[in-house]
Amino acid sequence: MDQVSMLDLATVSAVVAALVTVIGNAFGVEKQYRALLAIGIAGILWFIPREWGEQVLMALIIGLTASGVYSQVKPRDNENELMRMQLREDIRQEQEREQERKQREELQRQRQEDPERRRDDTPY
């Protein structure tokens, strides 16, 4: 059996991950079954003859790189997250304003109820 380098394993792992993403999304494979899909793809790639395997692997890397999947960089839809953060900030600010309003009302009520506080206590 030929020596297998860590680079070989890393390359095959990355290709398997990218293929699982592509196949899973294309055919609507549920996430709970994607691990089995990964094992199946890895088995196929590992057990094909070495001469073919290198060519197949190279073709997969070229195709996946060209499609943008191999890099495993996918843009996130941050719009929803930004909207949630803005909503939370708006709620927090509204709660602060409401708390300040209640404090002012309480202070005003105390001043009206306590005539001693309204008196001017200056000695001169």
Protein backbone atom coordinates (compact mmCIF):
# COMPACT_ATOMS: atom_id res chain seq x y z
CA MET A 1 0.00 0.00 0.00
CA ASP A 2 1.31 3.44 -0.94
CA GLN A 3 2.12 6.05 1.66
CA VAL A 4 -0.69 8.53 2.24
CA SER A 5 0.32 12.05 3.21
CA MET A 6 -1.65 14.43 5.37
CA LEU A 7 -1.99 16.66 2.33
CA ASP A 8 -3.73 13.83 0.47
CA LEU A 9 -6.15 13.33 3.35
CA ALA A 10 -6.81 17.06 3.67
CA THR A 11 -7.43 17.37 -0.06
CA VAL A 12 -9.80 14.41 -0.18
CA SER A 13 -11.60 15.68 2.94
CA ALA A 14 -12.10 19.11 1.43
CA VAL A 15 -13.36 17.64 -1.83
CA VAL A 16 -15.75 15.33 0.03
CA ALA A 17 -17.09 18.25 2.11
CA ALA A 18 -17.62 20.33 -1.03
CA LEU A 19 -19.31 17.44 -2.87
CA VAL A 20 -21.62 16.77 0.08
CA THR A 21 -22.61 20.44 0.04
CA VAL A 22 -23.28 20.45 -3.70
CA ILE A 23 -25.09 17.10 -3.83
CA GLY A 24 -26.97 17.73 -0.59
CA ASN A 25 -28.24 21.10 -1.77
CA ALA A 26 -28.99 19.93 -5.32
CA PHE A 27 -31.03 16.93 -4.27
CA GLY A 28 -32.40 18.26 -0.99
CA VAL A 29 -30.66 15.67 1.18
CA GLU A 30 -31.61 16.23 4.82
CA LYS A 31 -28.76 17.27 7.10
CA GLN A 32 -29.06 14.14 9.20
CA TYR A 33 -28.15 12.01 6.15
CA ARG A 34 -25.29 14.15 4.86
CA ALA A 35 -22.75 12.37 7.07
CA LEU A 36 -23.68 9.07 5.41
CA LEU A 37 -23.38 10.76 2.03
CA ALA A 38 -19.89 11.96 3.01
CA ILE A 39 -18.85 8.44 4.01
CA GLY A 40 -20.14 7.07 0.71
CA ILE A 41 -18.35 9.68 -1.38
CA ALA A 42 -15.13 9.21 0.61
CA GLY A 43 -15.32 5.45 0.08
CA ILE A 44 -15.77 5.87 -3.65
CA LEU A 45 -12.89 8.33 -3.94
CA TRP A 46 -10.61 6.25 -1.74
CA PHE A 47 -11.17 2.91 -3.43
CA ILE A 48 -10.91 3.92 -7.06
CA PRO A 49 -7.54 2.97 -8.58
CA ARG A 50 -4.76 5.43 -7.72
CA GLU A 51 -4.07 6.32 -11.37
CA TRP A 52 -7.70 7.25 -11.90
CA GLY A 53 -8.10 8.71 -8.44
CA GLU A 54 -5.58 11.45 -8.99
CA GLN A 55 -7.24 12.43 -12.27
CA VAL A 56 -10.75 12.28 -10.79
CA LEU A 57 -9.64 14.27 -7.77
CA MET A 58 -7.99 16.90 -9.95
CA ALA A 59 -11.13 17.21 -12.10
CA LEU A 60 -13.31 17.55 -8.99
CA ILE A 61 -11.05 20.23 -7.52
CA ILE A 62 -11.09 22.19 -10.78
CA GLY A 63 -14.88 21.94 -11.09
CA LEU A 64 -15.59 22.74 -7.46
CA THR A 65 -13.14 25.64 -7.44
CA ALA A 66 -14.67 27.07 -10.61
CA SER A 67 -18.14 26.85 -9.05
CA GLY A 68 -16.90 28.53 -5.86
CA VAL A 69 -17.84 25.62 -3.60
CA TYR A 70 -14.39 24.19 -2.94
CA SER A 71 -13.26 27.28 -1.09
CA GLN A 72 -16.08 26.64 1.42
CA VAL A 73 -16.65 30.38 1.52
CA LYS A 74 -20.30 31.14 1.26
CA PRO A 75 -21.83 34.57 1.68
CA ARG A 76 -24.08 34.86 4.68
CA ASP A 77 -27.39 36.54 4.55
CA ASN A 78 -26.70 39.10 7.26
CA GLU A 79 -29.74 41.20 6.48
CA ASN A 80 -31.99 39.21 8.84
CA GLU A 81 -29.39 39.25 11.61
CA LEU A 82 -28.92 43.00 11.21
CA MET A 83 -32.67 43.53 11.36
CA ARG A 84 -32.89 41.46 14.58
CA MET A 85 -30.03 43.42 16.12
CA GLN A 86 -31.66 46.73 15.17
CA LEU A 87 -34.98 45.58 16.61
CA ARG A 88 -33.31 44.57 19.88
CA GLU A 89 -31.54 47.93 20.05
CA ASP A 90 -34.81 49.79 19.38
CA ILE A 91 -36.55 47.80 22.13
CA ARG A 92 -33.69 48.47 24.55
CA GLN A 93 -33.79 52.21 23.83
CA GLU A 94 -37.56 52.28 24.23
CA GLN A 95 -37.26 50.50 27.59
CA GLU A 96 -34.65 53.03 28.73
CA ARG A 97 -36.88 55.95 27.71
CA GLU A 98 -39.84 54.37 29.50
CA GLN A 99 -37.76 53.84 32.64
CA GLU A 100 -36.54 57.46 32.57
CA ARG A 101 -40.12 58.68 32.09
CA LYS A 102 -41.30 56.63 35.09
CA GLN A 103 -38.45 57.99 37.21
CA ARG A 104 -39.36 61.58 36.27
CA GLU A 105 -43.03 60.94 37.06
CA GLU A 106 -42.14 59.38 40.41
CA LEU A 107 -39.89 62.30 41.30
CA GLN A 108 -42.59 64.77 40.29
CA ARG A 109 -45.20 62.89 42.34
CA GLN A 110 -42.92 62.90 45.38
CA ARG A 111 -42.37 66.64 45.07
CA GLN A 112 -46.11 67.26 44.89
CA GLU A 113 -46.86 65.04 47.90
CA ASP A 114 -44.09 66.37 50.13
CA PRO A 115 -44.61 70.10 50.82
CA GLU A 116 -41.50 70.15 53.02
CA ARG A 117 -39.36 69.58 49.95
CA ARG A 118 -40.90 72.53 48.13
CA ARG A 119 -39.93 74.95 50.89
CA ASP A 120 -36.83 76.97 50.54
CA ASP A 121 -34.56 75.91 53.38
CA THR A 122 -31.88 78.50 52.84
CA PRO A 123 -30.97 80.30 56.11
CA TYR A 124 -30.80 83.76 54.55
